[in-house]
């Protein structure tokens, strides 16, 4: 047969060839050459490790106790004549708060004064008789026995006068006790009895007087906590750091007057294995009241400085805690660290890291040690090792 002339390829066939050739070339290359890798550099965020004062606080629960607390009682019996205070008011030392009817005690004082005057007169008479007898004895006009009797009578008179003087002193004390005075300055509470009632030593507490400023807060501390404090003092050269006490009020706010520790009890409670510790607080406005229950926070007056890094930068493996830091070649390097307590969103680094080193905080999941990274923000990268700007450090603190 005669050969038929070949038809030129259609436009559709040319398109198929154009698509198939690249696919065939790519298919033939599989297994025969290296696969192309993604060489993009991961972007991370870094932050400089900063040195800041680290204030460690320990919380305890305690009760407020007045420095002076006095239960006012009647020391003599009689009808209550006056109450010279308003319940809850501030009173001064020696201010009269209650008055018992004094008339009967004034009469007793007058009687004792008369008894003393009589006794003193008898002393004078006995002295004169003794002097006359001693003169007669010199002239041998009286016996020695009679003079001895005169001496004895004089001594009896003197003793009687002293007895009368003591009775007068007791009567005057009873008269003074008819005025019940404030032994300390402070606030006086509710009166238990009203005017007109019969009061006496057995009538109980008439009112309670408590001092206001300063005021104490008592709280128990375990033996373990005391041992930790002694060990920290030993590590500090044998001297314990001065502690400041802060009171947290029932509404959660901090009392604006700091306190000081001024007493540690000398015995341990065998039931709880705790010792009682006392802090003294200024209380000019009377905001703290006797018997109040609140929380006490103890902190060092001059807190130690330590390196702080964000908690988000911490990573953990079988060997412990580590972070990735950015070196001068813009590479992420592993750094083993020992961590301390948390401070807000930051963590204290006890060892393994230097101040100013740049720590990776974001994007660390896609970075491996030794890998080159792109740090953001750029101004945080230069210099590679240095202290972070004040604004940046402050913005990422607690």
Protein backbone atom coordinates (compact mmCIF):
# COMPACT_ATOMS: atom_id res chain seq x y z
CA UNK A 1 0.00 0.00 0.00
CA UNK A 2 1.17 3.43 -0.62
CA UNK A 3 2.12 5.32 2.53
CA UNK A 4 -0.32 7.96 3.63
CA UNK A 5 1.15 11.33 4.59
CA UNK A 6 1.35 11.96 8.42
CA UNK A 7 -1.02 14.61 9.82
CA UNK A 8 0.49 17.46 11.71
CA UNK A 9 -0.11 17.30 15.54
CA UNK A 10 -3.09 19.13 16.81
CA UNK A 11 -2.91 21.96 19.36
CA UNK A 12 -4.37 19.66 22.09
CA UNK A 13 -1.62 17.09 21.58
CA UNK A 14 1.07 19.74 21.90
CA UNK A 15 -0.37 20.77 25.27
CA UNK A 16 -0.28 17.19 26.58
CA UNK A 17 3.38 16.84 25.56
CA UNK A 18 4.23 20.12 27.30
CA UNK A 19 2.67 18.85 30.56
CA UNK A 20 4.00 15.28 30.43
CA UNK A 21 7.69 16.05 29.77
CA UNK A 22 8.35 17.84 33.12
CA UNK A 23 6.49 15.08 34.99
CA UNK A 24 8.61 12.39 33.31
CA UNK A 25 11.78 14.26 34.07
CA UNK A 26 10.78 14.66 37.77
CA UNK A 27 9.79 10.97 37.97
CA UNK A 28 13.08 9.82 36.53
CA UNK A 29 14.98 11.91 39.04
CA UNK A 30 13.42 10.19 42.09
CA UNK A 31 15.86 7.88 43.85
CA UNK A 32 18.76 8.95 41.68
CA UNK A 33 19.59 12.35 43.30
CA UNK A 34 19.28 14.21 46.68
CA UNK A 35 15.90 15.56 47.71
CA UNK A 36 15.86 19.34 48.00
CA UNK A 37 15.67 20.51 51.67
CA UNK A 38 13.90 23.51 53.12
CA UNK A 39 16.81 25.74 54.10
CA UNK A 40 14.70 28.50 55.72
CA UNK A 41 16.02 29.88 59.06
CA UNK A 42 13.50 29.68 61.94
CA UNK A 43 12.51 32.94 63.59
CA UNK A 44 12.59 33.05 67.38
CA UNK A 45 12.19 35.61 70.12
CA UNK A 46 14.99 36.18 72.61
CA UNK A 47 15.27 37.97 75.91
CA UNK A 48 18.31 38.89 77.98
CA UNK A 49 18.77 37.20 81.34
CA UNK A 50 18.59 40.03 83.89
CA UNK A 51 19.83 40.34 87.46
CA UNK A 52 17.12 41.58 89.81
CA UNK A 53 16.43 41.63 93.55
CA UNK A 54 14.54 38.48 94.46
CA UNK A 55 12.24 38.85 97.46
CA UNK A 56 11.28 35.51 98.92
CA UNK A 57 8.19 35.63 101.10
CA UNK A 58 6.90 33.07 103.56
CA UNK A 59 3.28 33.24 104.74
CA UNK A 60 1.96 32.35 108.19
CA UNK A 61 -1.42 32.64 109.85
CA UNK A 62 -1.53 34.53 113.12
CA UNK A 63 -3.63 36.54 115.55
CA UNK A 64 -3.38 40.12 116.64
CA UNK A 65 -2.67 40.65 120.34
CA UNK A 66 -2.60 43.95 122.20
CA UNK A 67 0.69 44.83 123.89
CA UNK A 68 -1.27 45.70 127.06
CA UNK A 69 -4.64 44.22 127.88
CA UNK A 70 -6.21 45.02 131.24
CA UNK A 71 -9.45 43.74 132.76
CA UNK A 72 -10.82 46.51 134.96
CA UNK A 73 -12.24 45.24 138.27
CA UNK A 74 -13.50 46.82 141.46
CA UNK A 75 -11.09 46.38 144.40
CA UNK A 76 -13.53 47.61 147.06
CA UNK A 77 -17.22 46.94 147.56
CA UNK A 78 -19.82 49.63 147.03
CA UNK A 79 -22.43 51.00 144.70
CA UNK A 80 -21.22 52.18 141.29
CA UNK A 81 -21.61 55.95 141.31
CA UNK A 82 -20.19 57.05 137.93
CA UNK A 83 -19.00 55.81 134.59
CA UNK A 84 -16.78 58.52 133.17
CA UNK A 85 -16.09 57.21 129.66
CA UNK A 86 -17.85 56.44 126.42
CA UNK A 87 -17.57 52.83 125.36
CA UNK A 88 -14.86 52.44 122.70
CA UNK A 89 -13.14 55.74 123.37
CA UNK A 90 -9.41 56.38 123.72
CA UNK A 91 -8.27 56.97 127.32
CA UNK A 92 -5.03 58.12 128.90
CA UNK A 93 -2.99 56.68 131.76
CA UNK A 94 -4.55 57.36 135.22
CA UNK A 95 -7.78 58.64 133.72
CA UNK A 96 -10.73 57.81 136.02
CA UNK A 97 -13.12 55.37 134.31
CA UNK A 98 -15.46 54.25 137.15
CA UNK A 99 -16.24 55.73 140.57
CA UNK A 100 -17.61 53.79 143.53
CA UNK A 101 -19.49 55.70 146.26
CA UNK A 102 -16.62 56.95 148.48
CA UNK A 103 -18.50 58.24 151.58
CA UNK A 104 -18.09 55.15 153.77
CA UNK A 105 -14.39 54.94 152.96
CA UNK A 106 -13.90 58.64 153.69
CA UNK A 107 -15.45 58.03 157.12
CA UNK A 108 -13.10 55.13 157.76
CA UNK A 109 -10.13 57.31 156.84
CA UNK A 110 -11.25 59.97 159.36
CA UNK A 111 -11.61 57.31 162.03
CA UNK A 112 -8.14 55.95 161.34
CA UNK A 113 -6.68 59.44 161.45
CA UNK A 114 -8.22 59.90 164.92
CA UNK A 115 -6.84 56.55 166.06
CA UNK A 116 -3.38 57.58 164.91
CA UNK A 117 -3.61 60.92 166.73
CA UNK A 118 -4.58 59.11 169.93
CA UNK A 119 -1.75 56.63 169.56
CA UNK A 120 0.77 59.40 169.05
CA UNK A 121 -0.47 61.16 172.18
CA UNK A 122 -0.01 57.97 174.19
CA UNK A 123 3.51 57.69 172.83
CA UNK A 124 4.29 61.21 174.06
CA UNK A 125 2.86 60.44 177.49
CA UNK A 126 4.79 57.18 177.76
CA UNK A 127 7.99 58.93 176.74
CA UNK A 128 7.51 61.61 179.40
CA UNK A 129 6.77 59.00 182.08
CA UNK A 130 9.88 57.07 181.13
CA UNK A 131 12.07 60.17 181.27
CA UNK A 132 10.74 61.06 184.75
CA UNK A 133 11.28 57.54 186.00
CA UNK A 134 14.86 57.42 184.75
CA UNK A 135 15.58 60.69 186.58
CA UNK A 136 14.09 59.34 189.82
CA UNK A 137 16.16 56.18 189.43
CA UNK A 138 19.33 58.25 189.41
CA UNK A 139 18.23 59.75 192.74
CA UNK A 140 17.31 56.30 193.99
CA UNK A 141 13.75 57.43 194.62
CA UNK A 142 12.26 54.66 192.46
CA UNK A 143 13.04 51.03 191.94
CA UNK A 144 14.60 49.67 188.76
CA UNK A 145 11.59 47.41 188.28
CA UNK A 146 9.27 50.40 188.03
CA UNK A 147 11.54 51.96 185.40
CA UNK A 148 11.46 48.73 183.39
CA UNK A 149 7.65 48.88 183.37
CA UNK A 150 7.80 52.45 182.09
CA UNK A 151 10.14 51.39 179.28
CA UNK A 152 7.78 48.58 178.29
CA UNK A 153 4.79 50.92 178.32
CA UNK A 154 6.68 53.30 176.01
CA UNK A 155 7.44 50.52 173.55
CA UNK A 156 3.79 49.42 173.56
CA UNK A 157 2.67 52.97 172.83
CA UNK A 158 5.11 53.25 169.94
CA UNK A 159 3.88 49.93 168.50
CA UNK A 160 0.28 51.07 168.83
CA UNK A 161 1.06 54.24 166.91
CA UNK A 162 2.67 52.26 164.11
CA UNK A 163 -0.37 50.00 163.97
CA UNK A 164 -2.64 53.03 163.77
CA UNK A 165 -0.48 54.43 160.95
CA UNK A 166 -0.78 51.18 158.99
CA UNK A 167 -4.55 51.15 159.45
CA UNK A 168 -4.73 54.72 158.16
CA UNK A 169 -2.65 53.79 155.09
CA UNK A 170 -4.99 50.87 154.32
CA UNK A 171 -8.04 53.09 154.71
CA UNK A 172 -6.59 55.67 152.34
CA UNK A 173 -5.86 52.93 149.79
CA UNK A 174 -9.46 51.72 149.97
CA UNK A 175 -10.64 55.28 149.45
CA UNK A 176 -8.35 55.60 146.44
CA UNK A 177 -9.69 52.32 145.05
CA UNK A 178 -13.16 53.86 144.84
CA UNK A 179 -11.81 55.51 141.68
CA UNK A 180 -11.04 52.86 139.05
CA UNK A 181 -8.35 54.37 136.81
CA UNK A 182 -6.77 53.38 133.50
CA UNK A 183 -3.38 51.76 134.21
CA UNK A 184 -2.38 52.04 130.52
CA UNK A 185 -3.36 54.17 127.56
CA UNK A 186 -5.65 52.59 124.97
CA UNK A 187 -9.27 51.96 124.05
CA UNK A 188 -11.82 50.89 126.62
CA UNK A 189 -14.48 48.40 125.64
CA UNK A 190 -18.07 47.80 126.64
CA UNK A 191 -19.07 48.36 130.28
CA UNK A 192 -20.42 45.21 131.90
CA UNK A 193 -22.39 47.03 134.63
CA UNK A 194 -24.27 50.29 134.73
CA UNK A 195 -24.37 52.97 137.41
CA UNK A 196 -26.23 51.97 140.57
CA UNK A 197 -25.11 48.34 140.66
CA UNK A 198 -23.29 46.95 143.66
CA UNK A 199 -19.74 46.10 142.65
CA UNK A 200 -16.79 44.51 144.42
CA UNK A 201 -13.88 42.13 143.95
CA UNK A 202 -16.31 39.29 143.15
CA UNK A 203 -18.44 41.21 140.64
CA UNK A 204 -16.21 40.31 137.67
CA UNK A 205 -14.78 42.42 134.88
CA UNK A 206 -16.29 45.89 134.61
CA UNK A 207 -14.63 46.66 131.24
CA UNK A 208 -11.57 45.69 129.19
CA UNK A 209 -8.86 48.15 128.26
CA UNK A 210 -6.46 47.38 125.40
CA UNK A 211 -3.53 49.37 124.08
CA UNK A 212 -3.58 50.24 120.38
CA UNK A 213 -0.19 51.46 119.19
CA UNK A 214 2.01 49.49 118.73
CA UNK A 215 0.31 46.12 118.46
CA UNK A 216 1.55 42.52 118.24
CA UNK A 217 0.81 39.68 115.84
CA UNK A 218 1.57 36.15 117.10
CA UNK A 219 2.02 33.21 114.70
CA UNK A 220 3.41 29.65 114.99
CA UNK A 221 6.53 28.59 113.08
CA UNK A 222 7.48 24.93 112.63
CA UNK A 223 10.83 23.56 113.72
CA UNK A 224 11.67 22.75 110.11
CA UNK A 225 11.20 26.38 109.09
CA UNK A 226 13.36 27.54 111.99
CA UNK A 227 16.05 25.05 110.95
CA UNK A 228 15.97 26.38 107.37
CA UNK A 229 16.38 29.91 108.71
CA UNK A 230 19.40 28.89 110.79
CA UNK A 231 20.98 27.16 107.78
CA UNK A 232 20.52 30.27 105.64
CA UNK A 233 22.08 32.33 108.42
CA UNK A 234 25.05 29.95 108.54
CA UNK A 235 25.49 30.27 104.78
CA UNK A 236 25.43 34.04 105.22
CA UNK A 237 28.41 33.99 107.56
CA UNK A 238 26.49 33.19 110.71
CA UNK A 239 24.33 36.32 110.64
CA UNK A 240 20.63 36.13 109.96
CA UNK A 241 19.27 38.76 107.59
CA UNK A 242 16.85 41.28 109.00
CA UNK A 243 13.26 40.28 108.25
CA UNK A 244 10.31 42.56 107.62
CA UNK A 245 6.77 41.44 108.42
CA UNK A 246 3.77 42.43 106.32
CA UNK A 247 0.19 41.85 107.42
CA UNK A 248 -2.43 40.82 104.89
CA UNK A 249 -5.86 42.10 105.87
CA UNK A 250 -9.05 40.00 105.54
CA UNK A 251 -9.97 41.76 102.27
CA UNK A 252 -6.68 40.58 100.71
CA UNK A 253 -4.91 43.95 100.80
CA UNK A 254 -1.57 44.52 102.53
CA UNK A 255 -1.42 46.62 105.67
CA UNK A 256 0.58 49.75 104.86
CA UNK A 257 2.70 49.64 108.05
CA UNK A 258 5.55 47.05 108.02
CA UNK A 259 6.41 45.24 111.22
CA UNK A 260 9.48 43.78 112.90
CA UNK A 261 10.11 40.47 114.64
CA UNK A 262 10.85 41.10 118.31
CA UNK A 263 10.32 37.79 120.13
CA UNK A 264 10.64 34.02 119.64
CA UNK A 265 9.22 31.82 122.37
CA UNK A 266 11.57 29.67 124.45
CA UNK A 267 9.44 26.51 124.40
CA UNK A 268 8.01 24.30 121.65
CA UNK A 269 4.39 23.23 121.51
CA UNK A 270 4.60 19.42 121.80
CA UNK A 271 1.29 18.93 119.99
CA UNK A 272 2.17 20.90 116.85
CA UNK A 273 6.00 21.03 117.05
CA UNK A 274 5.89 24.79 116.56
CA UNK A 275 7.28 27.80 118.34
CA UNK A 276 5.43 31.05 118.78
CA UNK A 277 6.95 34.07 117.00
CA UNK A 278 5.86 37.65 117.56
CA UNK A 279 5.95 40.67 115.24
CA UNK A 280 5.33 44.24 116.35
CA UNK A 281 3.40 46.61 114.04
CA UNK A 282 2.70 50.34 114.28
CA UNK A 283 -1.05 50.86 114.61
CA UNK A 284 -1.70 54.62 114.71
CA UNK A 285 -5.16 54.36 113.14
CA UNK A 286 -6.28 51.33 115.12
CA UNK A 287 -6.85 49.28 111.96
CA UNK A 288 -5.52 46.14 113.67
CA UNK A 289 -7.58 45.04 116.67
CA UNK A 290 -6.91 42.57 119.45
CA UNK A 291 -7.92 39.01 118.53
CA UNK A 292 -8.05 39.64 114.78
CA UNK A 293 -7.10 36.71 112.51
CA UNK A 294 -4.85 37.53 109.55
CA UNK A 295 -1.92 36.39 107.40
CA UNK A 296 1.68 37.45 108.05
CA UNK A 297 4.26 37.60 105.24
CA UNK A 298 7.95 37.54 106.15
CA UNK A 299 10.53 38.86 103.68
CA UNK A 300 14.18 39.90 103.86
CA UNK A 301 14.71 43.62 104.28
CA UNK A 302 17.52 43.57 101.70
CA UNK A 303 16.63 40.81 99.20
CA UNK A 304 19.46 39.08 97.34
CA UNK A 305 19.89 39.59 93.59
CA UNK A 306 19.53 36.69 91.15
CA UNK A 307 19.21 36.05 87.42
CA UNK A 308 15.63 35.94 86.17
CA UNK A 309 14.40 34.41 82.92
CA UNK A 310 10.85 33.82 81.59
CA UNK A 311 9.29 30.50 82.50
CA UNK A 312 8.38 29.99 78.84
CA UNK A 313 12.07 29.51 77.99
CA UNK A 314 12.50 26.42 80.22
CA UNK A 315 12.77 22.95 78.67
CA UNK A 316 13.11 19.60 80.39
CA UNK A 317 14.60 16.30 79.30
CA UNK A 318 15.84 13.19 81.10
CA UNK A 319 18.97 15.02 82.29
CA UNK A 320 17.13 17.97 83.77
CA UNK A 321 16.25 21.56 82.95
CA UNK A 322 17.91 23.49 80.14
CA UNK A 323 17.45 26.58 77.98
CA UNK A 324 18.58 27.60 74.51
CA UNK A 325 20.78 30.67 74.31
CA UNK A 326 21.85 32.69 71.30
CA UNK A 327 25.60 32.86 70.74
CA UNK A 328 27.64 35.39 68.78
CA UNK A 329 27.18 33.36 65.53
CA UNK A 330 23.38 33.55 65.81
CA UNK A 331 23.22 29.85 66.72
CA UNK A 332 21.06 28.29 69.40
CA UNK A 333 23.13 26.54 72.06
CA UNK A 334 21.91 24.29 74.89
CA UNK A 335 22.64 25.47 78.43
CA UNK A 336 21.97 23.30 81.49
CA UNK A 337 20.72 25.38 84.44
CA UNK A 338 19.62 24.97 88.05
CA UNK A 339 16.39 26.80 88.82
CA UNK A 340 15.10 28.35 92.02
CA UNK A 341 11.71 29.73 93.07
CA UNK A 342 9.32 31.42 90.68
CA UNK A 343 8.85 35.18 90.68
CA UNK A 344 5.61 35.90 88.88
CA UNK A 345 6.10 34.90 85.23
CA UNK A 346 9.86 34.55 85.69
CA UNK A 347 12.08 31.88 87.23
CA UNK A 348 15.19 32.37 89.35
CA UNK A 349 18.33 30.77 87.88
CA UNK A 350 20.71 29.57 90.58
CA UNK A 351 23.52 28.45 88.25
CA UNK A 352 24.38 27.75 84.61
CA UNK A 353 23.54 31.15 83.13
CA UNK A 354 25.21 34.55 83.07
CA UNK A 355 23.59 37.94 83.22
CA UNK A 356 22.97 39.42 79.78
CA UNK A 357 22.96 36.15 77.84
CA UNK A 358 20.15 36.00 75.29
CA UNK A 359 17.65 33.25 76.03
CA UNK A 360 15.21 31.91 73.44
CA UNK A 361 11.65 32.40 74.70
CA UNK A 362 9.39 31.88 71.65
CA UNK A 363 9.70 29.45 68.76
CA UNK A 364 12.01 27.09 70.66
CA UNK A 365 9.99 24.02 69.61
CA UNK A 366 11.24 24.32 66.02
CA UNK A 367 14.90 24.87 66.94
CA UNK A 368 17.60 22.30 67.61
CA UNK A 369 20.94 23.02 69.34
CA UNK A 370 23.55 24.37 66.95
CA UNK A 371 21.02 25.64 64.44
CA UNK A 372 21.22 29.15 63.05
CA UNK A 373 18.16 31.19 63.94
CA UNK A 374 16.76 34.61 63.20
CA UNK A 375 16.19 36.50 66.44
CA UNK A 376 13.33 38.94 66.83
CA UNK A 377 13.06 41.71 67.72
CA UNK A 378 16.29 42.62 65.87
CA UNK A 379 17.39 45.19 68.46
CA UNK A 380 17.56 42.41 71.05
CA UNK A 381 20.32 40.65 69.08
CA UNK A 382 23.07 43.29 69.07
CA UNK A 383 25.28 42.88 70.94
CA UNK A 384 25.01 39.11 71.12
CA UNK A 385 25.96 39.10 74.82
CA UNK A 386 24.88 42.09 76.86
CA UNK A 387 22.38 43.53 79.26
CA UNK A 388 18.88 44.04 77.97
CA UNK A 389 17.54 47.60 77.71
CA UNK A 390 15.80 48.82 80.85
CA UNK A 391 12.41 49.05 79.18
CA UNK A 392 12.61 45.47 77.89
CA UNK A 393 13.79 44.07 81.22
CA UNK A 394 11.14 45.93 83.09
CA UNK A 395 8.41 44.87 80.69
CA UNK A 396 9.15 41.20 81.26
CA UNK A 397 9.65 41.26 84.97
CA UNK A 398 7.12 40.16 87.45
